[in-house]
N, C-alpha and C. Protein backbone atom coordinates (compact mmCIF):
# COMPACT_ATOMS: atom_id res chain seq x y z
N UNK A 1 -29.23 13.31 6.97
CA UNK A 1 -28.05 12.56 7.34
C UNK A 1 -26.80 13.33 6.91
N UNK A 2 -25.85 13.43 7.78
CA UNK A 2 -24.64 14.20 7.52
C UNK A 2 -23.64 13.40 6.69
N UNK A 3 -23.10 14.02 5.66
CA UNK A 3 -22.10 13.37 4.80
C UNK A 3 -20.75 13.36 5.49
N UNK A 4 -20.03 12.29 5.33
CA UNK A 4 -18.68 12.19 5.89
C UNK A 4 -17.71 13.00 5.04
N UNK A 5 -16.84 13.74 5.71
CA UNK A 5 -15.80 14.48 4.99
C UNK A 5 -14.50 13.71 4.98
N UNK A 6 -14.50 12.50 5.54
CA UNK A 6 -13.27 11.71 5.65
C UNK A 6 -12.66 11.40 4.29
N UNK A 7 -13.49 11.22 3.25
CA UNK A 7 -12.94 10.84 1.95
C UNK A 7 -12.15 11.97 1.30
N UNK A 8 -12.22 13.17 1.83
CA UNK A 8 -11.45 14.29 1.30
C UNK A 8 -10.54 14.90 2.36
N UNK A 9 -10.22 14.13 3.38
CA UNK A 9 -9.46 14.63 4.51
C UNK A 9 -8.10 13.95 4.56
N UNK A 10 -7.06 14.72 4.32
CA UNK A 10 -5.71 14.14 4.30
C UNK A 10 -5.32 13.56 5.65
N UNK A 11 -5.75 14.19 6.74
CA UNK A 11 -5.44 13.68 8.07
C UNK A 11 -6.04 12.30 8.29
N UNK A 12 -7.26 12.11 7.80
CA UNK A 12 -7.89 10.80 7.90
C UNK A 12 -7.05 9.75 7.18
N UNK A 13 -6.59 10.06 5.96
CA UNK A 13 -5.85 9.06 5.20
C UNK A 13 -4.47 8.78 5.79
N UNK A 14 -3.85 9.78 6.37
CA UNK A 14 -2.57 9.51 7.05
C UNK A 14 -2.78 8.53 8.19
N UNK A 15 -3.79 8.78 9.00
CA UNK A 15 -4.08 7.89 10.12
C UNK A 15 -4.49 6.51 9.62
N UNK A 16 -5.33 6.48 8.60
CA UNK A 16 -5.81 5.21 8.06
C UNK A 16 -4.67 4.38 7.48
N UNK A 17 -3.75 5.02 6.77
CA UNK A 17 -2.61 4.30 6.20
C UNK A 17 -1.69 3.77 7.29
N UNK A 18 -1.50 4.56 8.32
CA UNK A 18 -0.67 4.12 9.44
C UNK A 18 -1.29 2.88 10.09
N UNK A 19 -2.60 2.93 10.32
CA UNK A 19 -3.29 1.82 10.97
C UNK A 19 -3.38 0.58 10.08
N UNK A 20 -3.65 0.78 8.80
CA UNK A 20 -3.79 -0.39 7.92
C UNK A 20 -2.45 -1.11 7.75
N UNK A 21 -1.37 -0.37 7.64
CA UNK A 21 -0.07 -1.04 7.53
C UNK A 21 0.27 -1.74 8.85
N UNK A 22 -0.12 -1.15 9.96
CA UNK A 22 0.09 -1.80 11.25
C UNK A 22 -0.67 -3.12 11.36
N UNK A 23 -1.89 -3.14 10.85
CA UNK A 23 -2.68 -4.38 10.86
C UNK A 23 -2.05 -5.44 9.96
N UNK A 24 -1.60 -5.02 8.80
CA UNK A 24 -0.93 -5.95 7.87
C UNK A 24 0.30 -6.55 8.54
N UNK A 25 1.10 -5.71 9.14
CA UNK A 25 2.32 -6.18 9.80
C UNK A 25 1.99 -7.09 10.97
N UNK A 26 0.96 -6.75 11.71
CA UNK A 26 0.58 -7.57 12.88
C UNK A 26 0.21 -8.98 12.43
N UNK A 27 -0.56 -9.09 11.37
CA UNK A 27 -0.96 -10.40 10.88
C UNK A 27 0.25 -11.18 10.39
N UNK A 28 1.13 -10.53 9.67
CA UNK A 28 2.26 -11.23 9.06
C UNK A 28 3.39 -11.52 10.04
N UNK A 29 3.53 -10.72 11.09
CA UNK A 29 4.58 -10.94 12.07
C UNK A 29 4.12 -11.76 13.26
N UNK A 30 2.85 -12.09 13.29
CA UNK A 30 2.29 -12.84 14.40
C UNK A 30 3.00 -14.18 14.51
N UNK A 31 3.62 -14.43 15.63
CA UNK A 31 4.40 -15.65 15.78
C UNK A 31 3.71 -16.74 16.58
N UNK A 32 2.42 -16.60 16.80
CA UNK A 32 1.77 -17.61 17.62
C UNK A 32 1.26 -18.78 16.78
N UNK A 33 0.59 -19.70 17.42
CA UNK A 33 0.16 -20.91 16.74
C UNK A 33 -1.16 -20.75 16.02
N UNK A 34 -1.69 -19.55 15.92
CA UNK A 34 -2.93 -19.37 15.18
C UNK A 34 -2.67 -19.39 13.67
N UNK A 35 -1.39 -19.31 13.28
CA UNK A 35 -1.07 -19.41 11.86
C UNK A 35 -1.24 -20.84 11.38
N UNK A 36 -1.74 -20.98 10.21
CA UNK A 36 -1.83 -22.32 9.62
C UNK A 36 -1.08 -22.30 8.29
N UNK A 37 0.17 -21.88 8.35
CA UNK A 37 0.98 -21.80 7.13
C UNK A 37 1.17 -23.18 6.52
N UNK A 38 1.15 -23.21 5.22
CA UNK A 38 1.59 -24.37 4.48
C UNK A 38 2.29 -23.85 3.23
N UNK A 39 2.81 -24.73 2.41
CA UNK A 39 3.63 -24.26 1.29
C UNK A 39 2.83 -23.37 0.33
N UNK A 40 1.57 -23.69 0.10
CA UNK A 40 0.75 -22.86 -0.79
C UNK A 40 0.51 -21.50 -0.18
N UNK A 41 0.12 -21.46 1.09
CA UNK A 41 -0.14 -20.19 1.76
C UNK A 41 1.13 -19.35 1.88
N UNK A 42 2.25 -19.99 2.20
CA UNK A 42 3.51 -19.26 2.34
C UNK A 42 3.87 -18.53 1.06
N UNK A 43 3.76 -19.21 -0.08
CA UNK A 43 4.13 -18.55 -1.34
C UNK A 43 3.14 -17.45 -1.67
N UNK A 44 1.87 -17.62 -1.34
CA UNK A 44 0.87 -16.59 -1.59
C UNK A 44 1.11 -15.37 -0.69
N UNK A 45 1.44 -15.63 0.57
CA UNK A 45 1.72 -14.54 1.50
C UNK A 45 2.98 -13.79 1.05
N UNK A 46 3.97 -14.51 0.61
CA UNK A 46 5.19 -13.88 0.11
C UNK A 46 4.88 -13.02 -1.11
N UNK A 47 4.08 -13.54 -2.04
CA UNK A 47 3.72 -12.79 -3.24
C UNK A 47 2.98 -11.51 -2.89
N UNK A 48 2.03 -11.59 -1.96
CA UNK A 48 1.28 -10.39 -1.54
C UNK A 48 2.22 -9.40 -0.87
N UNK A 49 3.14 -9.89 -0.04
CA UNK A 49 4.09 -9.00 0.64
C UNK A 49 4.99 -8.27 -0.34
N UNK A 50 5.48 -8.99 -1.34
CA UNK A 50 6.30 -8.35 -2.38
C UNK A 50 5.47 -7.32 -3.12
N UNK A 51 4.25 -7.69 -3.46
CA UNK A 51 3.35 -6.79 -4.18
C UNK A 51 3.07 -5.51 -3.38
N UNK A 52 2.84 -5.65 -2.08
CA UNK A 52 2.59 -4.48 -1.24
C UNK A 52 3.78 -3.52 -1.29
N UNK A 53 4.99 -4.05 -1.22
CA UNK A 53 6.18 -3.21 -1.31
C UNK A 53 6.31 -2.55 -2.67
N UNK A 54 6.04 -3.30 -3.73
CA UNK A 54 6.11 -2.74 -5.09
C UNK A 54 5.14 -1.58 -5.27
N UNK A 55 3.91 -1.78 -4.81
CA UNK A 55 2.89 -0.74 -4.94
C UNK A 55 3.28 0.48 -4.11
N UNK A 56 3.76 0.25 -2.91
CA UNK A 56 4.15 1.36 -2.03
C UNK A 56 5.24 2.21 -2.68
N UNK A 57 6.25 1.56 -3.23
CA UNK A 57 7.35 2.27 -3.90
C UNK A 57 6.83 3.03 -5.11
N UNK A 58 5.94 2.40 -5.87
CA UNK A 58 5.37 3.05 -7.06
C UNK A 58 4.53 4.27 -6.73
N UNK A 59 3.71 4.17 -5.70
CA UNK A 59 2.87 5.31 -5.30
C UNK A 59 3.74 6.45 -4.79
N UNK A 60 4.79 6.14 -4.04
CA UNK A 60 5.70 7.18 -3.55
C UNK A 60 6.35 7.91 -4.74
N UNK A 61 6.72 7.18 -5.78
CA UNK A 61 7.29 7.82 -6.98
C UNK A 61 6.26 8.74 -7.63
N UNK A 62 5.01 8.30 -7.67
CA UNK A 62 3.95 9.15 -8.23
C UNK A 62 3.78 10.42 -7.41
N UNK A 63 3.80 10.30 -6.10
CA UNK A 63 3.66 11.48 -5.24
C UNK A 63 4.81 12.45 -5.48
N UNK A 64 6.03 11.92 -5.54
CA UNK A 64 7.19 12.79 -5.79
C UNK A 64 7.08 13.49 -7.15
N UNK A 65 6.60 12.76 -8.16
CA UNK A 65 6.43 13.33 -9.50
C UNK A 65 5.42 14.47 -9.46
N UNK A 66 4.30 14.24 -8.80
CA UNK A 66 3.27 15.29 -8.70
C UNK A 66 3.82 16.49 -7.93
N UNK A 67 4.51 16.22 -6.85
CA UNK A 67 5.01 17.30 -5.99
C UNK A 67 6.00 18.20 -6.74
N UNK A 68 6.76 17.64 -7.68
CA UNK A 68 7.72 18.43 -8.45
C UNK A 68 7.04 19.41 -9.39
N UNK A 69 5.79 19.14 -9.73
CA UNK A 69 5.01 20.04 -10.61
C UNK A 69 5.68 20.25 -11.96
N UNK A 70 6.21 19.18 -12.55
CA UNK A 70 6.88 19.28 -13.85
C UNK A 70 5.93 19.00 -15.00
N UNK A 71 4.75 18.47 -14.72
CA UNK A 71 3.82 18.09 -15.77
C UNK A 71 4.13 16.72 -16.37
N UNK A 72 5.09 16.05 -15.79
CA UNK A 72 5.48 14.72 -16.27
C UNK A 72 4.34 13.72 -16.04
N UNK A 73 4.14 12.84 -17.02
CA UNK A 73 3.12 11.79 -16.90
C UNK A 73 3.53 10.84 -15.78
N UNK A 74 2.56 10.48 -14.96
CA UNK A 74 2.83 9.54 -13.86
C UNK A 74 3.08 8.14 -14.40
N UNK A 75 4.00 7.45 -13.78
CA UNK A 75 4.25 6.06 -14.13
C UNK A 75 3.11 5.22 -13.58
N UNK A 76 2.58 4.31 -14.40
CA UNK A 76 1.48 3.46 -13.97
C UNK A 76 1.94 2.49 -12.88
N UNK A 77 1.15 2.33 -11.84
CA UNK A 77 1.39 1.36 -10.79
C UNK A 77 0.24 0.36 -10.84
N UNK A 78 0.56 -0.89 -11.09
CA UNK A 78 -0.48 -1.92 -11.18
C UNK A 78 -0.86 -2.38 -9.78
N UNK A 79 -2.06 -2.04 -9.36
CA UNK A 79 -2.53 -2.37 -8.02
C UNK A 79 -3.01 -3.80 -7.90
N UNK A 80 -3.06 -4.52 -9.02
CA UNK A 80 -3.60 -5.88 -9.01
C UNK A 80 -2.58 -6.98 -9.29
N UNK A 81 -1.47 -6.65 -9.94
CA UNK A 81 -0.54 -7.68 -10.38
C UNK A 81 0.34 -8.20 -9.26
N UNK A 82 0.21 -9.49 -8.99
CA UNK A 82 1.09 -10.14 -8.01
C UNK A 82 2.33 -10.66 -8.75
N UNK A 83 3.46 -10.73 -8.07
CA UNK A 83 4.67 -11.22 -8.73
C UNK A 83 4.55 -12.70 -9.08
N UNK A 84 5.28 -13.10 -10.10
CA UNK A 84 5.31 -14.50 -10.50
C UNK A 84 6.12 -15.30 -9.49
N UNK A 85 5.92 -16.60 -9.49
CA UNK A 85 6.61 -17.46 -8.53
C UNK A 85 8.13 -17.32 -8.64
N UNK A 86 8.64 -17.18 -9.87
CA UNK A 86 10.09 -17.01 -10.05
C UNK A 86 10.59 -15.75 -9.36
N UNK A 87 9.80 -14.68 -9.39
CA UNK A 87 10.18 -13.43 -8.74
C UNK A 87 10.22 -13.57 -7.22
N UNK A 88 9.41 -14.47 -6.70
CA UNK A 88 9.35 -14.69 -5.26
C UNK A 88 10.55 -15.50 -4.76
N UNK A 89 11.16 -16.26 -5.63
CA UNK A 89 12.26 -17.14 -5.22
C UNK A 89 13.49 -16.35 -4.78
N UNK A 90 13.59 -15.11 -5.19
CA UNK A 90 14.78 -14.30 -4.89
C UNK A 90 14.76 -13.68 -3.50
N UNK A 91 13.67 -13.80 -2.78
CA UNK A 91 13.57 -13.18 -1.45
C UNK A 91 12.81 -14.09 -0.50
N UNK A 92 12.73 -13.68 0.74
CA UNK A 92 11.93 -14.42 1.72
C UNK A 92 10.92 -13.45 2.35
N UNK A 93 10.05 -14.00 3.18
CA UNK A 93 8.98 -13.20 3.76
C UNK A 93 9.52 -12.06 4.63
N UNK A 94 10.53 -12.33 5.43
CA UNK A 94 11.09 -11.28 6.28
C UNK A 94 11.61 -10.10 5.47
N UNK A 95 12.32 -10.38 4.38
CA UNK A 95 12.84 -9.31 3.53
C UNK A 95 11.72 -8.55 2.82
N UNK A 96 10.71 -9.28 2.37
CA UNK A 96 9.58 -8.63 1.70
C UNK A 96 8.83 -7.72 2.67
N UNK A 97 8.64 -8.18 3.90
CA UNK A 97 7.95 -7.35 4.89
C UNK A 97 8.78 -6.14 5.30
N UNK A 98 10.07 -6.35 5.44
CA UNK A 98 10.96 -5.23 5.78
C UNK A 98 10.91 -4.17 4.67
N UNK A 99 10.93 -4.64 3.43
CA UNK A 99 10.87 -3.72 2.28
C UNK A 99 9.56 -2.93 2.29
N UNK A 100 8.44 -3.61 2.55
CA UNK A 100 7.15 -2.94 2.64
C UNK A 100 7.14 -1.93 3.78
N UNK A 101 7.63 -2.33 4.95
CA UNK A 101 7.65 -1.43 6.11
C UNK A 101 8.45 -0.17 5.82
N UNK A 102 9.63 -0.33 5.26
CA UNK A 102 10.50 0.82 4.98
C UNK A 102 9.87 1.71 3.91
N UNK A 103 9.30 1.11 2.90
CA UNK A 103 8.65 1.89 1.85
C UNK A 103 7.45 2.65 2.40
N UNK A 104 6.65 2.01 3.27
CA UNK A 104 5.49 2.68 3.86
C UNK A 104 5.94 3.83 4.75
N UNK A 105 7.00 3.61 5.50
CA UNK A 105 7.52 4.66 6.37
C UNK A 105 7.91 5.89 5.54
N UNK A 106 8.61 5.67 4.44
CA UNK A 106 9.02 6.78 3.58
C UNK A 106 7.82 7.48 2.96
N UNK A 107 6.84 6.68 2.50
CA UNK A 107 5.64 7.27 1.90
C UNK A 107 4.87 8.07 2.94
N UNK A 108 4.76 7.52 4.14
CA UNK A 108 4.03 8.19 5.21
C UNK A 108 4.66 9.55 5.50
N UNK A 109 5.97 9.59 5.66
CA UNK A 109 6.64 10.86 5.97
C UNK A 109 6.59 11.81 4.79
N UNK A 110 6.62 11.29 3.59
CA UNK A 110 6.47 12.13 2.40
C UNK A 110 5.11 12.82 2.42
N UNK A 111 4.06 12.08 2.75
CA UNK A 111 2.72 12.66 2.81
C UNK A 111 2.54 13.54 4.03
N UNK A 112 3.15 13.16 5.15
CA UNK A 112 3.02 13.93 6.38
C UNK A 112 3.56 15.35 6.21
N UNK A 113 4.59 15.49 5.40
CA UNK A 113 5.22 16.80 5.20
C UNK A 113 4.50 17.67 4.18
N UNK A 114 3.46 17.16 3.53
CA UNK A 114 2.73 17.93 2.53
C UNK A 114 1.88 19.02 3.18
N UNK A 115 1.82 20.16 2.53
CA UNK A 115 0.90 21.20 2.98
C UNK A 115 -0.50 20.86 2.49
N UNK A 116 -1.51 21.53 3.02
CA UNK A 116 -2.89 21.30 2.56
C UNK A 116 -3.00 21.55 1.06
N UNK A 117 -2.30 22.56 0.59
CA UNK A 117 -2.33 22.89 -0.83
C UNK A 117 -1.71 21.77 -1.67
N UNK A 118 -0.62 21.20 -1.19
CA UNK A 118 0.07 20.16 -1.95
C UNK A 118 -0.76 18.88 -2.08
N UNK A 119 -1.62 18.59 -1.11
CA UNK A 119 -2.48 17.42 -1.19
C UNK A 119 -3.38 17.48 -2.42
N UNK A 120 -3.69 18.67 -2.87
CA UNK A 120 -4.57 18.84 -4.03
C UNK A 120 -3.81 18.86 -5.36
N UNK A 121 -2.48 18.91 -5.31
CA UNK A 121 -1.69 18.89 -6.55
C UNK A 121 -2.06 17.64 -7.35
N UNK A 122 -2.07 17.81 -8.67
CA UNK A 122 -2.47 16.72 -9.54
C UNK A 122 -1.38 16.36 -10.54
N UNK A 123 -1.42 15.11 -10.95
CA UNK A 123 -0.56 14.62 -12.01
C UNK A 123 -1.41 13.89 -13.02
N UNK A 124 -0.87 13.71 -14.20
CA UNK A 124 -1.60 13.05 -15.28
C UNK A 124 -1.22 11.57 -15.32
N UNK A 125 -2.20 10.72 -15.00
CA UNK A 125 -1.99 9.27 -15.06
C UNK A 125 -2.27 8.82 -16.50
N UNK A 126 -1.49 7.87 -17.03
CA UNK A 126 -1.67 7.48 -18.43
C UNK A 126 -3.02 6.84 -18.74
N UNK A 127 -3.68 6.24 -17.75
CA UNK A 127 -4.96 5.57 -18.00
C UNK A 127 -6.13 6.20 -17.27
N UNK A 128 -5.87 6.84 -16.15
CA UNK A 128 -6.95 7.32 -15.28
C UNK A 128 -7.15 8.83 -15.34
N UNK A 129 -6.34 9.52 -16.09
CA UNK A 129 -6.48 10.97 -16.16
C UNK A 129 -5.81 11.66 -14.98
N UNK A 130 -6.36 12.82 -14.60
CA UNK A 130 -5.76 13.60 -13.51
C UNK A 130 -6.04 12.94 -12.16
N UNK A 131 -4.95 12.82 -11.37
CA UNK A 131 -5.05 12.28 -10.02
C UNK A 131 -4.34 13.21 -9.07
N UNK A 132 -4.96 13.47 -7.93
CA UNK A 132 -4.32 14.29 -6.90
C UNK A 132 -3.55 13.37 -5.94
N UNK A 133 -2.72 13.97 -5.14
CA UNK A 133 -2.02 13.21 -4.11
C UNK A 133 -3.04 12.59 -3.15
N UNK A 134 -4.11 13.31 -2.86
CA UNK A 134 -5.17 12.75 -2.01
C UNK A 134 -5.79 11.52 -2.67
N UNK A 135 -5.99 11.55 -3.98
CA UNK A 135 -6.51 10.38 -4.70
C UNK A 135 -5.57 9.19 -4.53
N UNK A 136 -4.27 9.45 -4.61
CA UNK A 136 -3.30 8.36 -4.46
C UNK A 136 -3.33 7.79 -3.06
N UNK A 137 -3.46 8.65 -2.06
CA UNK A 137 -3.55 8.17 -0.67
C UNK A 137 -4.80 7.32 -0.48
N UNK A 138 -5.90 7.76 -1.06
CA UNK A 138 -7.15 7.00 -0.98
C UNK A 138 -6.99 5.63 -1.65
N UNK A 139 -6.38 5.62 -2.84
CA UNK A 139 -6.15 4.35 -3.54
C UNK A 139 -5.27 3.41 -2.73
N UNK A 140 -4.23 3.97 -2.12
CA UNK A 140 -3.32 3.16 -1.32
C UNK A 140 -4.03 2.55 -0.12
N UNK A 141 -4.87 3.33 0.52
CA UNK A 141 -5.63 2.84 1.67
C UNK A 141 -6.58 1.71 1.25
N UNK A 142 -7.31 1.91 0.18
CA UNK A 142 -8.22 0.87 -0.30
C UNK A 142 -7.45 -0.38 -0.70
N UNK A 143 -6.28 -0.18 -1.28
CA UNK A 143 -5.42 -1.30 -1.66
C UNK A 143 -5.00 -2.08 -0.41
N UNK A 144 -4.62 -1.39 0.64
CA UNK A 144 -4.27 -2.05 1.90
C UNK A 144 -5.43 -2.91 2.40
N UNK A 145 -6.62 -2.35 2.39
CA UNK A 145 -7.78 -3.08 2.90
C UNK A 145 -8.08 -4.32 2.06
N UNK A 146 -7.92 -4.20 0.74
CA UNK A 146 -8.15 -5.35 -0.12
C UNK A 146 -7.21 -6.50 0.22
N UNK A 147 -5.96 -6.18 0.50
CA UNK A 147 -5.00 -7.24 0.79
C UNK A 147 -5.00 -7.66 2.25
N UNK A 148 -5.49 -6.82 3.13
CA UNK A 148 -5.54 -7.18 4.54
C UNK A 148 -6.41 -8.41 4.75
N UNK A 149 -7.60 -8.41 4.16
CA UNK A 149 -8.47 -9.59 4.33
C UNK A 149 -7.81 -10.81 3.71
N UNK A 150 -7.11 -10.62 2.60
CA UNK A 150 -6.48 -11.74 1.91
C UNK A 150 -5.37 -12.37 2.76
N UNK A 151 -4.49 -11.55 3.30
CA UNK A 151 -3.40 -12.12 4.10
C UNK A 151 -3.90 -12.65 5.44
N UNK A 152 -4.94 -12.02 5.97
CA UNK A 152 -5.51 -12.53 7.22
C UNK A 152 -6.06 -13.94 7.00
N UNK A 153 -6.74 -14.13 5.88
CA UNK A 153 -7.30 -15.44 5.54
C UNK A 153 -6.18 -16.45 5.30
N UNK A 154 -5.14 -16.05 4.57
CA UNK A 154 -4.03 -16.95 4.29
C UNK A 154 -3.26 -17.31 5.56
N UNK A 155 -3.03 -16.32 6.42
CA UNK A 155 -2.18 -16.52 7.60
C UNK A 155 -2.89 -17.25 8.72
N UNK A 156 -4.17 -16.99 8.89
CA UNK A 156 -4.87 -17.54 10.05
C UNK A 156 -5.97 -18.52 9.69
N UNK A 157 -6.37 -18.54 8.43
CA UNK A 157 -7.46 -19.42 8.03
C UNK A 157 -8.83 -18.83 8.31
N UNK A 158 -8.86 -17.59 8.84
CA UNK A 158 -10.14 -16.93 9.11
C UNK A 158 -10.01 -15.44 8.81
N UNK A 159 -11.12 -14.79 8.63
CA UNK A 159 -11.09 -13.38 8.25
C UNK A 159 -10.98 -12.45 9.43
N UNK A 160 -11.41 -12.82 10.62
CA UNK A 160 -11.36 -11.92 11.77
C UNK A 160 -10.66 -12.55 12.93
C-alpha cells in the first residue's frame, strides 16, 4: 500500500486551508432556513468564530517569527480556549467572521509566498519543542476541521 505524501506537502495544506475556511464561511454565512439558531447556539457560534480569528492571528505571528530566523521563542497559541461570554459581548457574528476571513487571507498569502526551503524553517515552541511552518499549517488545518463539525452542528442541527 502506498503511503500518502500529503502530510508533508505544503501545496496540499495551502489547498486544504483554503477549502476548510471556505466551508466554515459557507456554513456561517448561509442565509437559508436550514439554520436553527437560538440564543444558546448563537453565542456558541459567536465564541467559535472569535476563537477561529484569534487562532488564525496567533499562527500567522508564529509563522512570521519563524520566517525571521531570529531564534525567538514562539508565542503559545491556545487551540482549545474559547472566549468567555463577556469577551463575546463586544462584537457580533458578522464582525467575528470578517476578522477570521481577513486573518485567514493574510495567513494564506503569507504561506503562499514561502519557498520550499522556508516551509521547513523551525521555531521553538514553549511547550511543544521545535515546530516547522509546515507543522503549523497542519495544526491549523486540523483545527479548522475540529471546529467545522462543531459549527455545522450548531448552525444546522446536523453534521452533514
